Amino acid sequence: MTQKSKIKSVGLIPVRLNSNRLFRKAILEIDKMPMVIHTYKRAMLSKKLSEVYICTDSNEIIAICKKYKCKFIKTGKANTGTDRISKAMNNLKKHYDLYIDIQGDEPLVDPKHIDKVIDWHTKNLSYDIVVPSLKSKNIDTPHIVKIVKSKKKVLYFSRSLVPNPFKKNNKFYYKHLSVISFKPDCLKKFKTLPESPLEKIEGIELMRALENNMLIGTFNLEGASFSVDTKDDFLKAIKFMNIDKIRHKY
């Protein structure tokens, strides 16, 4: 990683082995490499991250990290990815200005997206958390989290199709991109908070932040990144990896 930002940022990749929707997806192989390792290698191509760590409670995933010489932090069990990286930050010897949550189920994550998230948050530090949004037309599935926003501010997250086209059809919706920037005090506070009512209903951990009056900012990104949540997503990732322009860099 070169040309690092003056703001010190660390990439934390939360991952567990026993995923619910696609069993053991973190270690499913795409182009002869476990999915989580693709995420790590691509995050390492970021020009703004000082370091990258895989955060997990799985000894099997840790063994894979050692095999591929990836840095890792062993955490206790955690209910959500944000809870996991909040535990991991306690094991870091260095202090960082921004903690970047990079979901381990995005094997096609674009390193430039990571850099843009860091740049935007650096210029908009009034926000506790930054979640970029991507325009999309075909996201009528509960597996994709949608964002409702007002200019730069996130108002709500949902697995439903929102805003609902009751009066007027939407030309597009905004989906949540799984590269999330946290300020340190916000991440420390998050781990002390109980699961919130709307979080329990939607199954979206960032609702906990909204329900506790944390400011979440967002901005538009363009790209085709997606989370691997189902078998169809996995097959799609295999197909896309074969033509991916970043794959040859690691």
C-alpha atoms as a PDB file:
ATOM      1  CA  MET A   1       0.000   0.000   0.000  1.00  0.00           C
ATOM      2  CA  THR A   2       1.445   3.347  -1.055  1.00  0.00           C
ATOM      3  CA  GLN A   3       0.504   7.012  -0.879  1.00  0.00           C
ATOM      4  CA  LYS A   4      -1.237   6.534   2.447  1.00  0.00           C
ATOM      5  CA  SER A   5      -3.714   9.101   3.651  1.00  0.00           C
ATOM      6  CA  LYS A   6      -2.686  11.527   6.397  1.00  0.00           C
ATOM      7  CA  ILE A   7      -5.685  10.137   8.236  1.00  0.00           C
ATOM      8  CA  LYS A   8      -4.608   6.773   9.615  1.00  0.00           C
ATOM      9  CA  SER A   9      -7.089   4.080   8.676  1.00  0.00           C
ATOM     10  CA  VAL A  10      -7.178   0.359   9.338  1.00  0.00           C
ATOM     11  CA  GLY A  11      -9.192  -2.224   7.436  1.00  0.00           C
ATOM     12  CA  LEU A  12     -11.037  -4.799   9.548  1.00  0.00           C
ATOM     13  CA  ILE A  13     -12.693  -7.756   7.818  1.00  0.00           C
ATOM     14  CA  PRO A  14     -15.216  -9.436  10.151  1.00  0.00           C
ATOM     15  CA  VAL A  15     -15.931 -13.028   9.256  1.00  0.00           C
ATOM     16  CA  ARG A  16     -17.468 -16.101  10.820  1.00  0.00           C
ATOM     17  CA  LEU A  17     -17.501 -19.678   9.627  1.00  0.00           C
ATOM     18  CA  ASN A  18     -21.076 -20.746  10.301  1.00  0.00           C
ATOM     19  CA  SER A  19     -23.031 -18.355   8.082  1.00  0.00           C
ATOM     20  CA  ASN A  20     -26.782 -18.907   7.960  1.00  0.00           C
ATOM     21  CA  ARG A  21     -27.770 -18.409   4.320  1.00  0.00           C
ATOM     22  CA  LEU A  22     -24.747 -19.959   2.571  1.00  0.00           C
ATOM     23  CA  PHE A  23     -22.955 -22.484   4.775  1.00  0.00           C
ATOM     24  CA  ARG A  24     -19.242 -21.852   5.382  1.00  0.00           C
ATOM     25  CA  LYS A  25     -19.242 -19.243   2.626  1.00  0.00           C
ATOM     26  CA  ALA A  26     -16.139 -17.452   3.934  1.00  0.00           C
ATOM     27  CA  ILE A  27     -13.927 -20.341   2.884  1.00  0.00           C
ATOM     28  CA  LEU A  28     -15.692 -21.348  -0.321  1.00  0.00           C
ATOM     29  CA  GLU A  29     -13.147 -21.151  -3.112  1.00  0.00           C
ATOM     30  CA  ILE A  30     -13.342 -18.806  -6.064  1.00  0.00           C
ATOM     31  CA  ASP A  31     -10.522 -19.164  -8.589  1.00  0.00           C
ATOM     32  CA  LYS A  32      -8.721 -21.561  -6.208  1.00  0.00           C
ATOM     33  CA  MET A  33      -8.732 -19.091  -3.302  1.00  0.00           C
ATOM     34  CA  PRO A  34     -11.077 -18.816  -0.285  1.00  0.00           C
ATOM     35  CA  MET A  35     -13.548 -15.951  -0.602  1.00  0.00           C
ATOM     36  CA  VAL A  36     -12.344 -14.119   2.510  1.00  0.00           C
ATOM     37  CA  ILE A  37      -8.768 -14.183   1.200  1.00  0.00           C
ATOM     38  CA  HIS A  38      -9.903 -12.467  -1.997  1.00  0.00           C
ATOM     39  CA  THR A  39     -11.427  -9.739   0.168  1.00  0.00           C
ATOM     40  CA  TYR A  40      -8.199  -9.375   2.157  1.00  0.00           C
ATOM     41  CA  LYS A  41      -5.919  -9.299  -0.895  1.00  0.00           C
ATOM     42  CA  ARG A  42      -8.080  -6.666  -2.581  1.00  0.00           C
ATOM     43  CA  ALA A  43      -8.231  -4.538   0.570  1.00  0.00           C
ATOM     44  CA  MET A  44      -4.433  -4.671   0.659  1.00  0.00           C
ATOM     45  CA  LEU A  45      -4.455  -2.921  -2.725  1.00  0.00           C
ATOM     46  CA  SER A  46      -6.009   0.144  -1.102  1.00  0.00           C
ATOM     47  CA  LYS A  47      -3.753   3.203  -1.084  1.00  0.00           C
ATOM     48  CA  LYS A  48      -5.384   4.615   2.050  1.00  0.00           C
ATOM     49  CA  LEU A  49      -5.296   1.724   4.511  1.00  0.00           C
ATOM     50  CA  SER A  50      -2.292   1.446   6.820  1.00  0.00           C
ATOM     51  CA  GLU A  51      -3.034  -2.195   7.692  1.00  0.00           C
ATOM     52  CA  VAL A  52      -5.660  -4.865   7.093  1.00  0.00           C
ATOM     53  CA  TYR A  53      -6.784  -7.621   9.472  1.00  0.00           C
ATOM     54  CA  ILE A  54      -9.222 -10.507   9.197  1.00  0.00           C
ATOM     55  CA  CYS A  55     -11.263 -10.618  12.424  1.00  0.00           C
ATOM     56  CA  THR A  56     -12.721 -13.986  13.385  1.00  0.00           C
ATOM     57  CA  ASP A  57     -13.402 -16.434  16.204  1.00  0.00           C
ATOM     58  CA  SER A  58     -12.840 -19.433  13.919  1.00  0.00           C
ATOM     59  CA  ASN A  59      -9.631 -21.432  14.310  1.00  0.00           C
ATOM     60  CA  GLU A  60     -10.218 -22.900  10.847  1.00  0.00           C
ATOM     61  CA  ILE A  61     -10.284 -19.432   9.272  1.00  0.00           C
ATOM     62  CA  ILE A  62      -7.193 -18.455  11.290  1.00  0.00           C
ATOM     63  CA  ALA A  63      -5.357 -21.481   9.870  1.00  0.00           C
ATOM     64  CA  ILE A  64      -6.283 -20.285   6.368  1.00  0.00           C
ATOM     65  CA  CYS A  65      -5.033 -16.783   7.222  1.00  0.00           C
ATOM     66  CA  LYS A  66      -1.682 -18.257   8.246  1.00  0.00           C
ATOM     67  CA  LYS A  67      -1.505 -20.296   5.048  1.00  0.00           C
ATOM     68  CA  TYR A  68      -1.991 -17.173   2.907  1.00  0.00           C
ATOM     69  CA  LYS A  69       0.104 -14.948   5.233  1.00  0.00           C
ATOM     70  CA  CYS A  70      -2.801 -12.663   6.086  1.00  0.00           C
ATOM     71  CA  LYS A  71      -2.848 -10.664   9.308  1.00  0.00           C
ATOM     72  CA  PHE A  72      -5.671 -11.622  11.661  1.00  0.00           C
ATOM     73  CA  ILE A  73      -7.192 -10.804  15.031  1.00  0.00           C
ATOM     74  CA  LYS A  74      -8.910 -13.534  17.032  1.00  0.00           C
ATOM     75  CA  THR A  75     -12.102 -12.258  18.600  1.00  0.00           C
ATOM     76  CA  GLY A  76     -14.710 -13.813  20.804  1.00  0.00           C
ATOM     77  CA  LYS A  77     -18.071 -14.719  19.340  1.00  0.00           C
ATOM     78  CA  ALA A  78     -20.068 -11.755  18.053  1.00  0.00           C
ATOM     79  CA  ASN A  79     -23.645 -11.297  16.905  1.00  0.00           C
ATOM     80  CA  THR A  80     -22.794  -8.929  14.055  1.00  0.00           C
ATOM     81  CA  GLY A  81     -19.830  -7.815  11.981  1.00  0.00           C
ATOM     82  CA  THR A  82     -19.787  -4.413  13.684  1.00  0.00           C
ATOM     83  CA  ASP A  83     -19.752  -6.060  17.109  1.00  0.00           C
ATOM     84  CA  ARG A  84     -16.843  -8.184  15.932  1.00  0.00           C
ATOM     85  CA  ILE A  85     -14.680  -5.305  14.695  1.00  0.00           C
ATOM     86  CA  SER A  86     -15.452  -3.331  17.856  1.00  0.00           C
ATOM     87  CA  LYS A  87     -13.952  -6.250  19.794  1.00  0.00           C
ATOM     88  CA  ALA A  88     -11.012  -6.431  17.411  1.00  0.00           C
ATOM     89  CA  MET A  89     -10.102  -2.767  17.860  1.00  0.00           C
ATOM     90  CA  ASN A  90      -9.209  -3.498  21.490  1.00  0.00           C
ATOM     91  CA  ASN A  91      -6.456  -5.848  20.295  1.00  0.00           C
ATOM     92  CA  LEU A  92      -4.807  -3.275  18.069  1.00  0.00           C
ATOM     93  CA  LYS A  93      -1.676  -1.723  19.528  1.00  0.00           C
ATOM     94  CA  LYS A  94      -1.985   1.402  17.380  1.00  0.00           C
ATOM     95  CA  HIS A  95      -4.684   4.078  17.390  1.00  0.00           C
ATOM     96  CA  TYR A  96      -6.390   4.868  14.105  1.00  0.00           C
ATOM     97  CA  ASP A  97      -8.498   7.832  13.030  1.00  0.00           C
ATOM     98  CA  LEU A  98     -10.889   5.660  11.023  1.00  0.00           C
ATOM     99  CA  TYR A  99     -11.802   1.986  11.297  1.00  0.00           C
ATOM    100  CA  ILE A 100     -12.995   0.546   7.989  1.00  0.00           C
ATOM    101  CA  ASP A 101     -15.351  -2.414   8.101  1.00  0.00           C
ATOM    102  CA  ILE A 102     -14.914  -4.446   4.906  1.00  0.00           C
ATOM    103  CA  GLN A 103     -17.349  -7.326   4.741  1.00  0.00           C
ATOM    104  CA  GLY A 104     -15.687 -10.689   4.104  1.00  0.00           C
ATOM    105  CA  ASP A 105     -18.457 -11.790   1.753  1.00  0.00           C
ATOM    106  CA  GLU A 106     -17.566  -9.208  -0.928  1.00  0.00           C
ATOM    107  CA  PRO A 107     -14.796 -11.008  -2.862  1.00  0.00           C
ATOM    108  CA  LEU A 108     -15.052  -8.494  -5.710  1.00  0.00           C
ATOM    109  CA  VAL A 109     -14.679  -5.395  -3.544  1.00  0.00           C
ATOM    110  CA  ASP A 110     -12.952  -2.563  -5.408  1.00  0.00           C
ATOM    111  CA  PRO A 111      -9.905  -1.103  -3.582  1.00  0.00           C
ATOM    112  CA  LYS A 112     -10.746   2.293  -5.093  1.00  0.00           C
ATOM    113  CA  HIS A 113     -14.115   2.179  -3.340  1.00  0.00           C
ATOM    114  CA  ILE A 114     -12.309   1.736  -0.026  1.00  0.00           C
ATOM    115  CA  ASP A 115     -10.133   4.757  -0.798  1.00  0.00           C
ATOM    116  CA  LYS A 116     -13.153   6.863  -1.765  1.00  0.00           C
ATOM    117  CA  VAL A 117     -14.932   5.993   1.482  1.00  0.00           C
ATOM    118  CA  ILE A 118     -11.884   7.083   3.488  1.00  0.00           C
ATOM    119  CA  ASP A 119     -11.490  10.277   1.462  1.00  0.00           C
ATOM    120  CA  TRP A 120     -15.164  11.200   1.845  1.00  0.00           C
ATOM    121  CA  HIS A 121     -15.214  10.534   5.593  1.00  0.00           C
ATOM    122  CA  THR A 122     -11.980  12.511   6.014  1.00  0.00           C
ATOM    123  CA  LYS A 123     -13.730  15.517   4.454  1.00  0.00           C
ATOM    124  CA  ASN A 124     -16.975  14.935   6.386  1.00  0.00           C
ATOM    125  CA  LEU A 125     -15.875  14.139   9.923  1.00  0.00           C
ATOM    126  CA  SER A 126     -19.114  15.450  11.410  1.00  0.00           C
ATOM    127  CA  TYR A 127     -20.517  12.000  10.612  1.00  0.00           C
ATOM    128  CA  ASP A 128     -19.863   9.150  13.050  1.00  0.00           C
ATOM    129  CA  ILE A 129     -20.245   6.503  10.364  1.00  0.00           C
ATOM    130  CA  VAL A 130     -20.093   6.586   6.565  1.00  0.00           C
ATOM    131  CA  VAL A 131     -21.842   4.024   4.363  1.00  0.00           C
ATOM    132  CA  PRO A 132     -21.618   4.559   0.594  1.00  0.00           C
ATOM    133  CA  SER A 133     -24.655   3.878  -1.562  1.00  0.00           C
ATOM    134  CA  LEU A 134     -24.961   2.488  -5.062  1.00  0.00           C
ATOM    135  CA  LYS A 135     -27.814   3.148  -7.459  1.00  0.00           C
ATOM    136  CA  SER A 136     -29.564  -0.025  -8.493  1.00  0.00           C
ATOM    137  CA  LYS A 137     -32.800  -0.982 -10.237  1.00  0.00           C
ATOM    138  CA  ASN A 138     -33.199  -4.676  -9.462  1.00  0.00           C
ATOM    139  CA  ILE A 139     -32.893  -5.020  -5.686  1.00  0.00           C
ATOM    140  CA  ASP A 140     -36.331  -6.294  -4.691  1.00  0.00           C
ATOM    141  CA  THR A 141     -34.850  -8.940  -2.416  1.00  0.00           C
ATOM    142  CA  PRO A 142     -34.433  -9.000   1.381  1.00  0.00           C
ATOM    143  CA  HIS A 143     -30.798 -10.069   0.940  1.00  0.00           C
ATOM    144  CA  ILE A 144     -29.879  -6.537  -0.216  1.00  0.00           C
ATOM    145  CA  VAL A 145     -30.036  -3.681   2.301  1.00  0.00           C
ATOM    146  CA  LYS A 146     -31.556  -0.484   0.931  1.00  0.00           C
ATOM    147  CA  ILE A 147     -30.754   3.057   2.039  1.00  0.00           C
ATOM    148  CA  VAL A 148     -33.177   5.947   2.424  1.00  0.00           C
ATOM    149  CA  LYS A 149     -31.283   9.224   2.573  1.00  0.00           C
ATOM    150  CA  SER A 150     -31.710  12.969   2.610  1.00  0.00           C
ATOM    151  CA  LYS A 151     -28.796  14.504   0.738  1.00  0.00           C
ATOM    152  CA  LYS A 152     -25.754  13.224   2.669  1.00  0.00           C
ATOM    153  CA  LYS A 153     -27.582  11.847   5.702  1.00  0.00           C
ATOM    154  CA  VAL A 154     -28.899   8.294   6.084  1.00  0.00           C
ATOM    155  CA  LEU A 155     -32.471   8.271   7.392  1.00  0.00           C
ATOM    156  CA  TYR A 156     -33.204   4.549   7.374  1.00  0.00           C
ATOM    157  CA  PHE A 157     -32.012   1.116   6.277  1.00  0.00           C
ATOM    158  CA  SER A 158     -34.367  -1.646   5.213  1.00  0.00           C
ATOM    159  CA  ARG A 159     -34.526  -5.044   3.597  1.00  0.00           C
ATOM    160  CA  SER A 160     -37.860  -3.983   2.090  1.00  0.00           C
ATOM    161  CA  LEU A 161     -38.099  -2.004  -1.130  1.00  0.00           C
ATOM    162  CA  VAL A 162     -37.920   1.565   0.171  1.00  0.00           C
ATOM    163  CA  PRO A 163     -38.972   4.219  -0.433  1.00  0.00           C
ATOM    164  CA  ASN A 164     -42.165   2.430  -1.361  1.00  0.00           C
ATOM    165  CA  PRO A 165     -43.439   3.414  -4.854  1.00  0.00           C
ATOM    166  CA  PHE A 166     -47.000   3.975  -3.655  1.00  0.00           C
ATOM    167  CA  LYS A 167     -47.546   7.282  -5.439  1.00  0.00           C
ATOM    168  CA  LYS A 168     -44.706   7.383  -7.947  1.00  0.00           C
ATOM    169  CA  ASN A 169     -42.415   4.743  -9.422  1.00  0.00           C
ATOM    170  CA  ASN A 170     -38.745   5.063  -8.582  1.00  0.00           C
ATOM    171  CA  LYS A 171     -36.276   4.971 -11.453  1.00  0.00           C
ATOM    172  CA  PHE A 172     -33.742   3.415  -9.089  1.00  0.00           C
ATOM    173  CA  TYR A 173     -33.067   2.626  -5.435  1.00  0.00           C
ATOM    174  CA  TYR A 174     -29.955   2.933  -3.303  1.00  0.00           C
ATOM    175  CA  LYS A 175     -28.278  -0.143  -1.943  1.00  0.00           C
ATOM    176  CA  HIS A 176     -25.859  -0.364   0.952  1.00  0.00           C
ATOM    177  CA  LEU A 177     -22.206  -1.000   0.003  1.00  0.00           C
ATOM    178  CA  SER A 178     -20.404  -3.142   2.547  1.00  0.00           C
ATOM    179  CA  VAL A 179     -17.408  -0.860   3.117  1.00  0.00           C
ATOM    180  CA  ILE A 180     -18.238   1.147   6.235  1.00  0.00           C
ATOM    181  CA  SER A 181     -16.106   3.780   7.962  1.00  0.00           C
ATOM    182  CA  PHE A 182     -16.327   4.347  11.723  1.00  0.00           C
ATOM    183  CA  LYS A 183     -14.811   7.004  13.926  1.00  0.00           C
ATOM    184  CA  PRO A 184     -13.166   5.354  16.970  1.00  0.00           C
ATOM    185  CA  ASP A 185     -15.438   6.824  19.656  1.00  0.00           C
ATOM    186  CA  CYS A 186     -18.479   5.705  17.696  1.00  0.00           C
ATOM    187  CA  LEU A 187     -17.192   2.143  17.382  1.00  0.00           C
ATOM    188  CA  LYS A 188     -16.377   2.028  21.099  1.00  0.00           C
ATOM    189  CA  LYS A 189     -19.874   3.226  21.934  1.00  0.00           C
ATOM    190  CA  PHE A 190     -21.515   0.765  19.553  1.00  0.00           C
ATOM    191  CA  LYS A 191     -20.216  -2.281  21.426  1.00  0.00           C
ATOM    192  CA  THR A 192     -21.754  -1.039  24.700  1.00  0.00           C
ATOM    193  CA  LEU A 193     -25.239  -0.723  23.198  1.00  0.00           C
ATOM    194  CA  PRO A 194     -27.823  -3.523  23.309  1.00  0.00           C
ATOM    195  CA  GLU A 195     -29.458  -4.781  20.149  1.00  0.00           C
ATOM    196  CA  SER A 196     -32.074  -2.180  19.240  1.00  0.00           C
ATOM    197  CA  PRO A 197     -35.775  -2.754  18.460  1.00  0.00           C
ATOM    198  CA  LEU A 198     -35.564  -1.925  14.738  1.00  0.00           C
ATOM    199  CA  GLU A 199     -32.316  -3.867  14.419  1.00  0.00           C
ATOM    200  CA  LYS A 200     -34.137  -6.940  15.719  1.00  0.00           C
ATOM    201  CA  ILE A 201     -36.914  -6.473  13.160  1.00  0.00           C
ATOM    202  CA  GLU A 202     -34.819  -5.618  10.083  1.00  0.00           C
ATOM    203  CA  GLY A 203     -31.741  -7.683  10.937  1.00  0.00           C
ATOM    204  CA  ILE A 204     -29.528  -4.669  10.115  1.00  0.00           C
ATOM    205  CA  GLU A 205     -27.014  -3.772  12.816  1.00  0.00           C
ATOM    206  CA  LEU A 206     -26.577  -0.151  11.712  1.00  0.00           C
ATOM    207  CA  MET A 207     -30.168   0.479  12.808  1.00  0.00           C
ATOM    208  CA  ARG A 208     -28.689   0.318  16.310  1.00  0.00           C
ATOM    209  CA  ALA A 209     -26.532   3.325  15.474  1.00  0.00           C
ATOM    210  CA  LEU A 210     -29.466   5.293  14.031  1.00  0.00           C
ATOM    211  CA  GLU A 211     -31.681   4.453  17.004  1.00  0.00           C
ATOM    212  CA  ASN A 212     -28.982   5.802  19.320  1.00  0.00           C
ATOM    213  CA  ASN A 213     -28.700   9.110  17.447  1.00  0.00           C
ATOM    214  CA  MET A 214     -25.402   8.460  15.682  1.00  0.00           C
ATOM    215  CA  LEU A 215     -24.986  10.425  12.459  1.00  0.00           C
ATOM    216  CA  ILE A 216     -24.524   8.231   9.412  1.00  0.00           C
ATOM    217  CA  GLY A 217     -23.400   9.863   6.191  1.00  0.00           C
ATOM    218  CA  THR A 218     -23.581   8.519   2.669  1.00  0.00           C
ATOM    219  CA  PHE A 219     -22.469   9.398  -0.848  1.00  0.00           C
ATOM    220  CA  ASN A 220     -22.929   7.805  -4.242  1.00  0.00           C
ATOM    221  CA  LEU A 221     -20.489   5.311  -5.714  1.00  0.00           C
ATOM    222  CA  GLU A 222     -20.625   3.539  -9.035  1.00  0.00           C
ATOM    223  CA  GLY A 223     -19.712  -0.083  -9.503  1.00  0.00           C
ATOM    224  CA  ALA A 224     -20.926  -3.663  -9.563  1.00  0.00           C
ATOM    225  CA  SER A 225     -19.787  -4.962  -6.193  1.00  0.00           C
ATOM    226  CA  PHE A 226     -22.174  -7.302  -4.367  1.00  0.00           C
ATOM    227  CA  SER A 227     -22.333  -9.481  -1.277  1.00  0.00           C
ATOM    228  CA  VAL A 228     -22.341 -13.248  -1.598  1.00  0.00           C
ATOM    229  CA  ASP A 229     -25.360 -14.337   0.452  1.00  0.00           C
ATOM    230  CA  THR A 230     -26.826 -17.203  -1.568  1.00  0.00           C
ATOM    231  CA  LYS A 231     -25.674 -19.988  -3.869  1.00  0.00           C
ATOM    232  CA  ASP A 232     -26.747 -17.903  -6.876  1.00  0.00           C
ATOM    233  CA  ASP A 233     -24.562 -15.028  -5.605  1.00  0.00           C
ATOM    234  CA  PHE A 234     -21.655 -17.438  -5.258  1.00  0.00           C
ATOM    235  CA  LEU A 235     -22.025 -18.701  -8.823  1.00  0.00           C
ATOM    236  CA  LYS A 236     -22.276 -15.111 -10.025  1.00  0.00           C
ATOM    237  CA  ALA A 237     -19.044 -14.231  -8.155  1.00  0.00           C
ATOM    238  CA  ILE A 238     -17.229 -17.137  -9.838  1.00  0.00           C
ATOM    239  CA  LYS A 239     -18.366 -15.884 -13.235  1.00  0.00           C
ATOM    240  CA  PHE A 240     -17.392 -12.268 -12.548  1.00  0.00           C
ATOM    241  CA  MET A 241     -14.011 -13.193 -11.086  1.00  0.00           C
ATOM    242  CA  ASN A 242     -13.043 -14.784 -14.395  1.00  0.00           C
ATOM    243  CA  ILE A 243     -13.309 -11.399 -16.137  1.00  0.00           C
ATOM    244  CA  ASP A 244     -12.320  -9.182 -13.203  1.00  0.00           C
ATOM    245  CA  LYS A 245      -9.632  -6.579 -13.955  1.00  0.00           C
ATOM    246  CA  ILE A 246      -8.253  -6.510 -10.403  1.00  0.00           C
ATOM    247  CA  ARG A 247      -7.727 -10.276 -10.013  1.00  0.00           C
ATOM    248  CA  HIS A 248      -4.324 -10.287 -11.757  1.00  0.00           C
ATOM    249  CA  LYS A 249      -2.928  -7.813  -9.225  1.00  0.00           C
ATOM    250  CA  TYR A 250      -2.748 -10.368  -6.397  1.00  0.00           C
END
